[in-house]
């Protein structure tokens, strides 16, 4: 095999590799959009999530018109309590600004109740 054939083979393998990467990227994006549309509901919305340990999170969830706080662990989900609409500030969907109310403030309000 001469150098020209080797160079053509290398370029062909490289182009096939790039094609597979691009195909994988678009397949992943397509699959993610399908999964996101399946998980979107009109009555249930996760408003905020905060990591408190490697596998533990506190979440504020709107279910219908009511708000709840949960601790989500690897194998369990525990409800902390119900929140009133005044206890939280609902972030706007089109805004990337952080909420003014912190989880610490919300949990302090729950402890007082």
PDB file of N, CA and C in Angstrom:
ATOM      1  N   UNK A   1       0.846  -1.182   0.000  1.00  0.00           N
ATOM      2  CA  UNK A   1       0.000   0.000   0.000  1.00  0.00           C
ATOM      3  C   UNK A   1       0.885   1.237   0.000  1.00  0.00           C
ATOM      4  N   UNK A   2       0.627   2.156  -0.877  1.00  0.00           N
ATOM      5  CA  UNK A   2       1.476   3.345  -0.906  1.00  0.00           C
ATOM      6  C   UNK A   2       0.913   4.431   0.000  1.00  0.00           C
ATOM      7  N   UNK A   3       1.637   5.513   0.091  1.00  0.00           N
ATOM      8  CA  UNK A   3       1.273   6.595   1.018  1.00  0.00           C
ATOM      9  C   UNK A   3      -0.043   7.250   0.648  1.00  0.00           C
ATOM     10  N   UNK A   4      -0.344   7.370  -0.610  1.00  0.00           N
ATOM     11  CA  UNK A   4      -1.575   8.016  -1.052  1.00  0.00           C
ATOM     12  C   UNK A   4      -2.790   7.209  -0.616  1.00  0.00           C
ATOM     13  N   UNK A   5      -2.734   5.908  -0.796  1.00  0.00           N
ATOM     14  CA  UNK A   5      -3.852   5.055  -0.380  1.00  0.00           C
ATOM     15  C   UNK A   5      -4.035   5.104   1.136  1.00  0.00           C
ATOM     16  N   UNK A   6      -2.945   5.131   1.875  1.00  0.00           N
ATOM     17  CA  UNK A   6      -3.018   5.209   3.342  1.00  0.00           C
ATOM     18  C   UNK A   6      -3.641   6.535   3.782  1.00  0.00           C
ATOM     19  N   UNK A   7      -3.253   7.609   3.122  1.00  0.00           N
ATOM     20  CA  UNK A   7      -3.811   8.921   3.471  1.00  0.00           C
ATOM     21  C   UNK A   7      -5.300   8.972   3.163  1.00  0.00           C
ATOM     22  N   UNK A   8      -5.717   8.409   2.029  1.00  0.00           N
ATOM     23  CA  UNK A   8      -7.136   8.379   1.666  1.00  0.00           C
ATOM     24  C   UNK A   8      -7.922   7.542   2.670  1.00  0.00           C
ATOM     25  N   UNK A   9      -7.364   6.422   3.084  1.00  0.00           N
ATOM     26  CA  UNK A   9      -8.030   5.575   4.090  1.00  0.00           C
ATOM     27  C   UNK A   9      -8.179   6.324   5.410  1.00  0.00           C
ATOM     28  N   UNK A  10      -7.131   7.019   5.841  1.00  0.00           N
ATOM     29  CA  UNK A  10      -7.177   7.775   7.096  1.00  0.00           C
ATOM     30  C   UNK A  10      -8.237   8.869   7.029  1.00  0.00           C
ATOM     31  N   UNK A  11      -8.286   9.594   5.933  1.00  0.00           N
ATOM     32  CA  UNK A  11      -9.285  10.661   5.773  1.00  0.00           C
ATOM     33  C   UNK A  11     -10.696  10.073   5.738  1.00  0.00           C
ATOM     34  N   UNK A  12     -10.874   8.934   5.079  1.00  0.00           N
ATOM     35  CA  UNK A  12     -12.186   8.280   5.026  1.00  0.00           C
ATOM     36  C   UNK A  12     -12.646   7.853   6.418  1.00  0.00           C
ATOM     37  N   UNK A  13     -11.760   7.247   7.177  1.00  0.00           N
ATOM     38  CA  UNK A  13     -12.110   6.828   8.539  1.00  0.00           C
ATOM     39  C   UNK A  13     -12.429   8.043   9.400  1.00  0.00           C
ATOM     40  N   UNK A  14     -11.671   9.104   9.250  1.00  0.00           N
ATOM     41  CA  UNK A  14     -11.916  10.327  10.014  1.00  0.00           C
ATOM     42  C   UNK A  14     -13.279  10.926   9.666  1.00  0.00           C
ATOM     43  N   UNK A  15     -13.626  10.977   8.390  1.00  0.00           N
ATOM     44  CA  UNK A  15     -14.927  11.513   7.969  1.00  0.00           C
ATOM     45  C   UNK A  15     -16.083  10.648   8.479  1.00  0.00           C
ATOM     46  N   UNK A  16     -15.909   9.338   8.463  1.00  0.00           N
ATOM     47  CA  UNK A  16     -16.941   8.442   9.006  1.00  0.00           C
ATOM     48  C   UNK A  16     -17.103   8.691  10.503  1.00  0.00           C
ATOM     49  N   UNK A  17     -16.001   8.869  11.203  1.00  0.00           N
ATOM     50  CA  UNK A  17     -16.040   9.146  12.641  1.00  0.00           C
ATOM     51  C   UNK A  17     -16.797  10.443  12.924  1.00  0.00           C
ATOM     52  N   UNK A  18     -16.495  11.496  12.176  1.00  0.00           N
ATOM     53  CA  UNK A  18     -17.188  12.779  12.344  1.00  0.00           C
ATOM     54  C   UNK A  18     -18.680  12.622  12.047  1.00  0.00           C
ATOM     55  N   UNK A  19     -19.023  11.877  10.999  1.00  0.00           N
ATOM     56  CA  UNK A  19     -20.423  11.637  10.653  1.00  0.00           C
ATOM     57  C   UNK A  19     -21.161  10.931  11.789  1.00  0.00           C
ATOM     58  N   UNK A  20     -20.531   9.931  12.389  1.00  0.00           N
ATOM     59  CA  UNK A  20     -21.159   9.202  13.504  1.00  0.00           C
ATOM     60  C   UNK A  20     -21.337  10.127  14.703  1.00  0.00           C
ATOM     61  N   UNK A  21     -20.366  10.980  14.980  1.00  0.00           N
ATOM     62  CA  UNK A  21     -20.504  11.933  16.096  1.00  0.00           C
ATOM     63  C   UNK A  21     -21.670  12.894  15.867  1.00  0.00           C
ATOM     64  N   UNK A  22     -21.785  13.431  14.665  1.00  0.00           N
ATOM     65  CA  UNK A  22     -22.874  14.362  14.346  1.00  0.00           C
ATOM     66  C   UNK A  22     -24.218  13.649  14.438  1.00  0.00           C
ATOM     67  N   UNK A  23     -24.294  12.439  13.911  1.00  0.00           N
ATOM     68  CA  UNK A  23     -25.525  11.653  13.973  1.00  0.00           C
ATOM     69  C   UNK A  23     -25.922  11.364  15.422  1.00  0.00           C
ATOM     70  N   UNK A  24     -24.954  11.025  16.261  1.00  0.00           N
ATOM     71  CA  UNK A  24     -25.214  10.771  17.683  1.00  0.00           C
ATOM     72  C   UNK A  24     -25.704  12.033  18.386  1.00  0.00           C
ATOM     73  N   UNK A  25     -25.116  13.175  18.078  1.00  0.00           N
ATOM     74  CA  UNK A  25     -25.522  14.441  18.683  1.00  0.00           C
ATOM     75  C   UNK A  25     -26.990  14.741  18.382  1.00  0.00           C
ATOM     76  N   UNK A  26     -27.369  14.638  17.100  1.00  0.00           N
ATOM     77  CA  UNK A  26     -28.750  14.962  16.737  1.00  0.00           C
ATOM     78  C   UNK A  26     -29.736  13.920  17.256  1.00  0.00           C
ATOM     79  N   UNK A  27     -29.346  12.665  17.320  1.00  0.00           N
ATOM     80  CA  UNK A  27     -30.222  11.633  17.890  1.00  0.00           C
ATOM     81  C   UNK A  27     -30.455  11.891  19.373  1.00  0.00           C
ATOM     82  N   UNK A  28     -29.424  12.306  20.081  1.00  0.00           N
ATOM     83  CA  UNK A  28     -29.560  12.614  21.511  1.00  0.00           C
ATOM     84  C   UNK A  28     -30.470  13.820  21.716  1.00  0.00           C
ATOM     85  N   UNK A  29     -30.300  14.862  20.919  1.00  0.00           N
ATOM     86  CA  UNK A  29     -31.168  16.043  21.022  1.00  0.00           C
ATOM     87  C   UNK A  29     -32.623  15.684  20.737  1.00  0.00           C
ATOM     88  N   UNK A  30     -32.846  14.868  19.723  1.00  0.00           N
ATOM     89  CA  UNK A  30     -34.197  14.458  19.364  1.00  0.00           C
ATOM     90  C   UNK A  30     -34.843  13.646  20.490  1.00  0.00           C
ATOM     91  N   UNK A  31     -34.095  12.707  21.046  1.00  0.00           N
ATOM     92  CA  UNK A  31     -34.607  11.885  22.145  1.00  0.00           C
ATOM     93  C   UNK A  31     -34.910  12.741  23.373  1.00  0.00           C
ATOM     94  N   UNK A  32     -34.050  13.696  23.673  1.00  0.00           N
ATOM     95  CA  UNK A  32     -34.268  14.571  24.829  1.00  0.00           C
ATOM     96  C   UNK A  32     -35.516  15.418  24.651  1.00  0.00           C
ATOM     97  N   UNK A  33     -35.761  15.904  23.448  1.00  0.00           N
ATOM     98  CA  UNK A  33     -36.958  16.724  23.231  1.00  0.00           C
ATOM     99  C   UNK A  33     -38.228  15.896  23.373  1.00  0.00           C
ATOM    100  N   UNK A  34     -38.191  14.639  22.947  1.00  0.00           N
ATOM    101  CA  UNK A  34     -39.349  13.752  23.121  1.00  0.00           C
ATOM    102  C   UNK A  34     -39.598  13.495  24.599  1.00  0.00           C
ATOM    103  N   UNK A  35     -38.539  13.200  25.355  1.00  0.00           N
ATOM    104  CA  UNK A  35     -38.687  12.938  26.785  1.00  0.00           C
ATOM    105  C   UNK A  35     -39.189  14.177  27.524  1.00  0.00           C
ATOM    106  N   UNK A  36     -38.694  15.343  27.152  1.00  0.00           N
ATOM    107  CA  UNK A  36     -39.128  16.575  27.812  1.00  0.00           C
ATOM    108  C   UNK A  36     -40.605  16.833  27.564  1.00  0.00           C
ATOM    109  N   UNK A  37     -41.067  16.587  26.347  1.00  0.00           N
ATOM    110  CA  UNK A  37     -42.479  16.813  26.052  1.00  0.00           C
ATOM    111  C   UNK A  37     -43.371  15.826  26.789  1.00  0.00           C
ATOM    112  N   UNK A  38     -42.884  14.605  27.024  1.00  0.00           N
ATOM    113  CA  UNK A  38     -43.660  13.619  27.776  1.00  0.00           C
ATOM    114  C   UNK A  38     -43.752  13.988  29.245  1.00  0.00           C
ATOM    115  N   UNK A  39     -42.704  14.633  29.786  1.00  0.00           N
ATOM    116  CA  UNK A  39     -42.673  14.953  31.213  1.00  0.00           C
ATOM    117  C   UNK A  39     -43.366  16.267  31.538  1.00  0.00           C
ATOM    118  N   UNK A  40     -43.663  17.074  30.551  1.00  0.00           N
ATOM    119  CA  UNK A  40     -44.292  18.366  30.793  1.00  0.00           C
ATOM    120  C   UNK A  40     -45.773  18.174  31.092  1.00  0.00           C
ATOM    121  N   UNK A  41     -46.208  18.725  32.208  1.00  0.00           N
ATOM    122  CA  UNK A  41     -47.611  18.642  32.587  1.00  0.00           C
ATOM    123  C   UNK A  41     -48.136  20.015  32.926  1.00  0.00           C
ATOM    124  N   UNK A  42     -49.424  20.189  32.790  1.00  0.00           N
ATOM    125  CA  UNK A  42     -50.026  21.489  33.076  1.00  0.00           C
ATOM    126  C   UNK A  42     -50.236  21.691  34.570  1.00  0.00           C
ATOM    127  N   UNK A  43     -50.388  20.602  35.315  1.00  0.00           N
ATOM    128  CA  UNK A  43     -50.726  20.726  36.728  1.00  0.00           C
ATOM    129  C   UNK A  43     -49.543  20.543  37.662  1.00  0.00           C
ATOM    130  N   UNK A  44     -48.454  19.958  37.193  1.00  0.00           N
ATOM    131  CA  UNK A  44     -47.298  19.695  38.054  1.00  0.00           C
ATOM    132  C   UNK A  44     -46.087  20.413  37.470  1.00  0.00           C
ATOM    133  N   UNK A  45     -45.402  21.184  38.328  1.00  0.00           N
ATOM    134  CA  UNK A  45     -44.229  21.919  37.877  1.00  0.00           C
ATOM    135  C   UNK A  45     -43.207  21.984  39.005  1.00  0.00           C
ATOM    136  N   UNK A  46     -41.965  21.642  38.710  1.00  0.00           N
ATOM    137  CA  UNK A  46     -40.886  21.781  39.682  1.00  0.00           C
ATOM    138  C   UNK A  46     -40.373  23.208  39.568  1.00  0.00           C
ATOM    139  N   UNK A  47     -40.553  23.984  40.635  1.00  0.00           N
ATOM    140  CA  UNK A  47     -40.193  25.394  40.603  1.00  0.00           C
ATOM    141  C   UNK A  47     -38.723  25.618  40.890  1.00  0.00           C
ATOM    142  N   UNK A  48     -38.175  24.851  41.829  1.00  0.00           N
ATOM    143  CA  UNK A  48     -36.791  25.070  42.225  1.00  0.00           C
ATOM    144  C   UNK A  48     -36.228  23.791  42.818  1.00  0.00           C
ATOM    145  N   UNK A  49     -34.945  23.575  42.601  1.00  0.00           N
ATOM    146  CA  UNK A  49     -34.255  22.409  43.138  1.00  0.00           C
ATOM    147  C   UNK A  49     -32.921  22.865  43.705  1.00  0.00           C
ATOM    148  N   UNK A  50     -32.586  22.344  44.889  1.00  0.00           N
ATOM    149  CA  UNK A  50     -31.305  22.668  45.508  1.00  0.00           C
ATOM    150  C   UNK A  50     -30.651  21.388  46.001  1.00  0.00           C
ATOM    151  N   UNK A  51     -29.393  21.196  45.638  1.00  0.00           N
ATOM    152  CA  UNK A  51     -28.656  20.006  46.058  1.00  0.00           C
ATOM    153  C   UNK A  51     -28.157  20.216  47.473  1.00  0.00           C
ATOM    154  N   UNK A  52     -28.460  19.257  48.368  1.00  0.00           N
ATOM    155  CA  UNK A  52     -28.006  19.372  49.756  1.00  0.00           C
ATOM    156  C   UNK A  52     -26.976  18.307  50.114  1.00  0.00           C
ATOM    157  N   UNK A  53     -26.842  17.289  49.299  1.00  0.00           N
ATOM    158  CA  UNK A  53     -25.855  16.224  49.465  1.00  0.00           C
ATOM    159  C   UNK A  53     -25.672  15.587  48.090  1.00  0.00           C
ATOM    160  N   UNK A  54     -24.665  14.723  47.926  1.00  0.00           N
ATOM    161  CA  UNK A  54     -24.438  14.151  46.598  1.00  0.00           C
ATOM    162  C   UNK A  54     -25.654  13.494  45.949  1.00  0.00           C
ATOM    163  N   UNK A  55     -26.509  12.860  46.723  1.00  0.00           N
ATOM    164  CA  UNK A  55     -27.696  12.213  46.138  1.00  0.00           C
ATOM    165  C   UNK A  55     -28.992  12.710  46.768  1.00  0.00           C
ATOM    166  N   UNK A  56     -28.968  13.918  47.373  1.00  0.00           N
ATOM    167  CA  UNK A  56     -30.162  14.442  48.042  1.00  0.00           C
ATOM    168  C   UNK A  56     -30.444  15.867  47.580  1.00  0.00           C
ATOM    169  N   UNK A  57     -31.724  16.122  47.307  1.00  0.00           N
ATOM    170  CA  UNK A  57     -32.153  17.423  46.804  1.00  0.00           C
ATOM    171  C   UNK A  57     -33.405  17.870  47.534  1.00  0.00           C
ATOM    172  N   UNK A  58     -33.550  19.181  47.696  1.00  0.00           N
ATOM    173  CA  UNK A  58     -34.802  19.756  48.175  1.00  0.00           C
ATOM    174  C   UNK A  58     -35.472  20.371  46.949  1.00  0.00           C
ATOM    175  N   UNK A  59     -36.755  20.095  46.781  1.00  0.00           N
ATOM    176  CA  UNK A  59     -37.482  20.635  45.643  1.00  0.00           C
ATOM    177  C   UNK A  59     -38.740  21.342  46.114  1.00  0.00           C
ATOM    178  N   UNK A  60     -39.058  22.431  45.426  1.00  0.00           N
ATOM    179  CA  UNK A  60     -40.343  23.097  45.613  1.00  0.00           C
ATOM    180  C   UNK A  60     -41.157  22.776  44.378  1.00  0.00           C
ATOM    181  N   UNK A  61     -42.353  22.213  44.598  1.00  0.00           N
ATOM    182  CA  UNK A  61     -43.193  21.721  43.509  1.00  0.00           C
ATOM    183  C   UNK A  61     -44.557  22.384  43.583  1.00  0.00           C
ATOM    184  N   UNK A  62     -45.057  22.821  42.420  1.00  0.00           N
ATOM    185  CA  UNK A  62     -46.424  23.329  42.337  1.00  0.00           C
ATOM    186  C   UNK A  62     -47.282  22.217  41.776  1.00  0.00           C
ATOM    187  N   UNK A  63     -48.300  21.822  42.524  1.00  0.00           N
ATOM    188  CA  UNK A  63     -49.258  20.811  42.074  1.00  0.00           C
ATOM    189  C   UNK A  63     -50.621  21.480  42.099  1.00  0.00           C
ATOM    190  N   UNK A  64     -51.154  21.719  40.919  1.00  0.00           N
ATOM    191  CA  UNK A  64     -52.387  22.499  40.823  1.00  0.00           C
ATOM    192  C   UNK A  64     -52.095  23.918  41.264  1.00  0.00           C
ATOM    193  N   UNK A  65     -52.796  24.380  42.272  1.00  0.00           N
ATOM    194  CA  UNK A  65     -52.563  25.715  42.814  1.00  0.00           C
ATOM    195  C   UNK A  65     -51.871  25.690  44.155  1.00  0.00           C
ATOM    196  N   UNK A  66     -51.400  24.521  44.581  1.00  0.00           N
ATOM    197  CA  UNK A  66     -50.767  24.388  45.889  1.00  0.00           C
ATOM    198  C   UNK A  66     -49.271  24.137  45.717  1.00  0.00           C
ATOM    199  N   UNK A  67     -48.502  24.505  46.733  1.00  0.00           N
ATOM    200  CA  UNK A  67     -47.048  24.387  46.691  1.00  0.00           C
ATOM    201  C   UNK A  67     -46.585  23.457  47.810  1.00  0.00           C
ATOM    202  N   UNK A  68     -45.628  22.592  47.494  1.00  0.00           N
ATOM    203  CA  UNK A  68     -45.104  21.626  48.451  1.00  0.00           C
ATOM    204  C   UNK A  68     -43.584  21.618  48.375  1.00  0.00           C
ATOM    205  N   UNK A  69     -42.947  21.259  49.495  1.00  0.00           N
ATOM    206  CA  UNK A  69     -41.502  21.066  49.495  1.00  0.00           C
ATOM    207  C   UNK A  69     -41.224  19.600  49.790  1.00  0.00           C
ATOM    208  N   UNK A  70     -40.253  19.052  49.059  1.00  0.00           N
ATOM    209  CA  UNK A  70     -39.898  17.640  49.168  1.00  0.00           C
ATOM    210  C   UNK A  70     -38.392  17.493  49.288  1.00  0.00           C
ATOM    211  N   UNK A  71     -37.971  16.421  49.955  1.00  0.00           N
ATOM    212  CA  UNK A  71     -36.581  15.986  49.915  1.00  0.00           C
ATOM    213  C   UNK A  71     -36.560  14.760  49.024  1.00  0.00           C
ATOM    214  N   UNK A  72     -35.761  14.819  47.975  1.00  0.00           N
ATOM    215  CA  UNK A  72     -35.657  13.719  47.027  1.00  0.00           C
ATOM    216  C   UNK A  72     -34.296  13.073  47.217  1.00  0.00           C
ATOM    217  N   UNK A  73     -34.303  11.782  47.608  1.00  0.00           N
ATOM    218  CA  UNK A  73     -33.073  11.025  47.799  1.00  0.00           C
ATOM    219  C   UNK A  73     -32.962   9.978  46.698  1.00  0.00           C
ATOM    220  N   UNK A  74     -31.933   9.184  46.782  1.00  0.00           N
ATOM    221  CA  UNK A  74     -31.713   8.163  45.757  1.00  0.00           C
ATOM    222  C   UNK A  74     -32.889   7.201  45.653  1.00  0.00           C
ATOM    223  N   UNK A  75     -33.403   6.743  46.793  1.00  0.00           N
ATOM    224  CA  UNK A  75     -34.473   5.743  46.793  1.00  0.00           C
ATOM    225  C   UNK A  75     -35.786   6.219  47.396  1.00  0.00           C
ATOM    226  N   UNK A  76     -35.819   7.431  47.945  1.00  0.00           N
ATOM    227  CA  UNK A  76     -37.029   7.885  48.623  1.00  0.00           C
ATOM    228  C   UNK A  76     -37.360   9.329  48.273  1.00  0.00           C
ATOM    229  N   UNK A  77     -38.625   9.685  48.490  1.00  0.00           N
ATOM    230  CA  UNK A  77     -39.097  11.059  48.373  1.00  0.00           C
ATOM    231  C   UNK A  77     -39.899  11.332  49.646  1.00  0.00           C
ATOM    232  N   UNK A  78     -39.534  12.394  50.368  1.00  0.00           N
ATOM    233  CA  UNK A  78     -40.200  12.722  51.631  1.00  0.00           C
ATOM    234  C   UNK A  78     -40.749  14.135  51.552  1.00  0.00           C
ATOM    235  N   UNK A  79     -42.019  14.281  51.898  1.00  0.00           N
ATOM    236  CA  UNK A  79     -42.631  15.609  51.890  1.00  0.00           C
ATOM    237  C   UNK A  79     -42.246  16.348  53.163  1.00  0.00           C
ATOM    238  N   UNK A  80     -41.727  17.570  53.018  1.00  0.00           N
ATOM    239  CA  UNK A  80     -41.400  18.393  54.174  1.00  0.00           C
ATOM    240  C   UNK A  80     -42.625  19.138  54.670  1.00  0.00           C
ATOM    241  N   UNK A  81     -43.407  19.669  53.740  1.00  0.00           N
ATOM    242  CA  UNK A  81     -44.602  20.393  54.137  1.00  0.00           C
ATOM    243  C   UNK A  81     -45.189  21.163  52.971  1.00  0.00           C
ATOM    244  N   UNK A  82     -46.338  21.754  53.257  1.00  0.00           N
ATOM    245  CA  UNK A  82     -47.003  22.574  52.247  1.00  0.00           C
ATOM    246  C   UNK A  82     -46.614  24.022  52.466  1.00  0.00           C
ATOM    247  N   UNK A  83     -46.444  24.738  51.365  1.00  0.00           N
ATOM    248  CA  UNK A  83     -46.083  26.148  51.420  1.00  0.00           C
ATOM    249  C   UNK A  83     -47.244  26.976  50.912  1.00  0.00           C
ATOM    250  N   UNK A  84     -47.363  28.193  51.444  1.00  0.00           N
ATOM    251  CA  UNK A  84     -48.367  29.096  50.887  1.00  0.00           C
ATOM    252  C   UNK A  84     -47.725  29.887  49.744  1.00  0.00           C
ATOM    253  N   UNK A  85     -48.542  30.480  48.928  1.00  0.00           N
ATOM    254  CA  UNK A  85     -48.038  31.239  47.786  1.00  0.00           C
ATOM    255  C   UNK A  85     -47.197  32.430  48.248  1.00  0.00           C
ATOM    256  N   UNK A  86     -47.469  32.959  49.435  1.00  0.00           N
ATOM    257  CA  UNK A  86     -46.698  34.079  49.956  1.00  0.00           C
ATOM    258  C   UNK A  86     -45.299  33.653  50.406  1.00  0.00           C
ATOM    259  N   UNK A  87     -45.127  32.368  50.731  1.00  0.00           N
ATOM    260  CA  UNK A  87     -43.836  31.872  51.202  1.00  0.00           C
ATOM    261  C   UNK A  87     -42.789  31.806  50.104  1.00  0.00           C
ATOM    262  N   UNK A  88     -43.220  31.706  48.879  1.00  0.00           N
ATOM    263  CA  UNK A  88     -42.261  31.553  47.785  1.00  0.00           C
ATOM    264  C   UNK A  88     -42.491  32.625  46.737  1.00  0.00           C
ATOM    265  N   UNK A  89     -41.454  32.875  45.971  1.00  0.00           N
ATOM    266  CA  UNK A  89     -41.598  33.736  44.803  1.00  0.00           C
ATOM    267  C   UNK A  89     -41.405  32.843  43.593  1.00  0.00           C
ATOM    268  N   UNK A  90     -42.409  32.763  42.767  1.00  0.00           N
ATOM    269  CA  UNK A  90     -42.384  31.891  41.609  1.00  0.00           C
ATOM    270  C   UNK A  90     -41.538  32.546  40.525  1.00  0.00           C
ATOM    271  N   UNK A  91     -40.452  31.874  40.088  1.00  0.00           N
ATOM    272  CA  UNK A  91     -39.644  32.475  39.025  1.00  0.00           C
ATOM    273  C   UNK A  91     -40.386  32.467  37.697  1.00  0.00           C
ATOM    274  N   UNK A  92     -40.170  33.508  36.910  1.00  0.00           N
ATOM    275  CA  UNK A  92     -40.789  33.565  35.588  1.00  0.00           C
ATOM    276  C   UNK A  92     -40.065  32.603  34.672  1.00  0.00           C
ATOM    277  N   UNK A  93     -40.810  31.926  33.801  1.00  0.00           N
ATOM    278  CA  UNK A  93     -40.208  30.925  32.922  1.00  0.00           C
ATOM    279  C   UNK A  93     -39.227  31.527  31.938  1.00  0.00           C
ATOM    280  N   UNK A  94     -39.486  32.744  31.472  1.00  0.00           N
ATOM    281  CA  UNK A  94     -38.613  33.336  30.471  1.00  0.00           C
ATOM    282  C   UNK A  94     -37.464  34.124  31.089  1.00  0.00           C
ATOM    283  N   UNK A  95     -37.397  34.198  32.402  1.00  0.00           N
ATOM    284  CA  UNK A  95     -36.342  34.940  33.071  1.00  0.00           C
ATOM    285  C   UNK A  95     -35.306  33.984  33.634  1.00  0.00           C
ATOM    286  N   UNK A  96     -34.042  34.353  33.524  1.00  0.00           N
ATOM    287  CA  UNK A  96     -32.965  33.546  34.082  1.00  0.00           C
ATOM    288  C   UNK A  96     -32.498  34.086  35.422  1.00  0.00           C
ATOM    289  N   UNK A  97     -33.169  35.091  35.947  1.00  0.00           N
ATOM    290  CA  UNK A  97     -32.771  35.697  37.211  1.00  0.00           C
ATOM    291  C   UNK A  97     -33.059  34.746  38.363  1.00  0.00           C
ATOM    292  N   UNK A  98     -32.198  34.784  39.354  1.00  0.00           N
ATOM    293  CA  UNK A  98     -32.370  33.926  40.526  1.00  0.00           C
ATOM    294  C   UNK A  98     -33.512  34.447  41.384  1.00  0.00           C
ATOM    295  N   UNK A  99     -34.144  33.532  42.102  1.00  0.00           N
ATOM    296  CA  UNK A  99     -35.246  33.888  42.984  1.00  0.00           C
ATOM    297  C   UNK A  99     -34.708  34.662  44.176  1.00  0.00           C
ATOM    298  N   UNK A 100     -35.511  35.604  44.706  1.00  0.00           N
ATOM    299  CA  UNK A 100     -35.094  36.385  45.858  1.00  0.00           C
ATOM    300  C   UNK A 100     -35.221  35.610  47.153  1.00  0.00           C
ATOM    301  N   UNK A 101     -36.061  34.586  47.183  1.00  0.00           N
ATOM    302  CA  UNK A 101     -36.280  33.795  48.381  1.00  0.00           C
ATOM    303  C   UNK A 101     -35.374  32.578  48.343  1.00  0.00           C
ATOM    304  N   UNK A 102     -34.610  32.375  49.407  1.00  0.00           N
ATOM    305  CA  UNK A 102     -33.719  31.226  49.465  1.00  0.00           C
ATOM    306  C   UNK A 102     -34.421  30.061  50.162  1.00  0.00           C
ATOM    307  N   UNK A 103     -33.884  28.873  49.970  1.00  0.00           N
ATOM    308  CA  UNK A 103     -34.431  27.698  50.630  1.00  0.00           C
ATOM    309  C   UNK A 103     -34.308  27.818  52.148  1.00  0.00           C
ATOM    310  N   UNK A 104     -33.249  28.436  52.597  1.00  0.00           N
ATOM    311  CA  UNK A 104     -33.062  28.609  54.040  1.00  0.00           C
ATOM    312  C   UNK A 104     -34.207  29.422  54.629  1.00  0.00           C
ATOM    313  N   UNK A 105     -34.596  30.504  53.945  1.00  0.00           N
ATOM    314  CA  UNK A 105     -35.721  31.333  54.424  1.00  0.00           C
ATOM    315  C   UNK A 105     -37.022  30.537  54.436  1.00  0.00           C
ATOM    316  N   UNK A 106     -37.245  29.750  53.397  1.00  0.00           N
ATOM    317  CA  UNK A 106     -38.473  28.955  53.313  1.00  0.00           C
ATOM    318  C   UNK A 106     -38.524  27.919  54.421  1.00  0.00           C
ATOM    319  N   UNK A 107     -37.389  27.238  54.648  1.00  0.00           N
ATOM    320  CA  UNK A 107     -37.357  26.223  55.706  1.00  0.00           C
ATOM    321  C   UNK A 107     -37.523  26.846  57.085  1.00  0.00           C
ATOM    322  N   UNK A 108     -36.978  28.047  57.284  1.00  0.00           N
ATOM    323  CA  UNK A 108     -37.177  28.746  58.555  1.00  0.00           C
ATOM    324  C   UNK A 108     -38.650  29.063  58.772  1.00  0.00           C
ATOM    325  N   UNK A 109     -39.343  29.475  57.709  1.00  0.00           N
ATOM    326  CA  UNK A 109     -40.778  29.755  57.811  1.00  0.00           C
ATOM    327  C   UNK A 109     -41.546  28.476  58.125  1.00  0.00           C
ATOM    328  N   UNK A 110     -41.123  27.344  57.525  1.00  0.00           N
ATOM    329  CA  UNK A 110     -41.796  26.077  57.822  1.00  0.00           C
ATOM    330  C   UNK A 110     -41.595  25.646  59.265  1.00  0.00           C
ATOM    331  N   UNK A 111     -40.413  25.878  59.801  1.00  0.00           N
ATOM    332  CA  UNK A 111     -40.130  25.515  61.187  1.00  0.00           C
ATOM    333  C   UNK A 111     -40.990  26.313  62.162  1.00  0.00           C
ATOM    334  N   UNK A 112     -41.270  27.568  61.810  1.00  0.00           N
ATOM    335  CA  UNK A 112     -42.063  28.431  62.681  1.00  0.00           C
ATOM    336  C   UNK A 112     -43.535  28.050  62.698  1.00  0.00           C
ATOM    337  N   UNK A 113     -43.994  27.374  61.638  1.00  0.00           N
ATOM    338  CA  UNK A 113     -45.418  27.031  61.550  1.00  0.00           C
ATOM    339  C   UNK A 113     -45.773  25.895  62.448  1.00  0.00           C
TER     340      UNK A 113
END
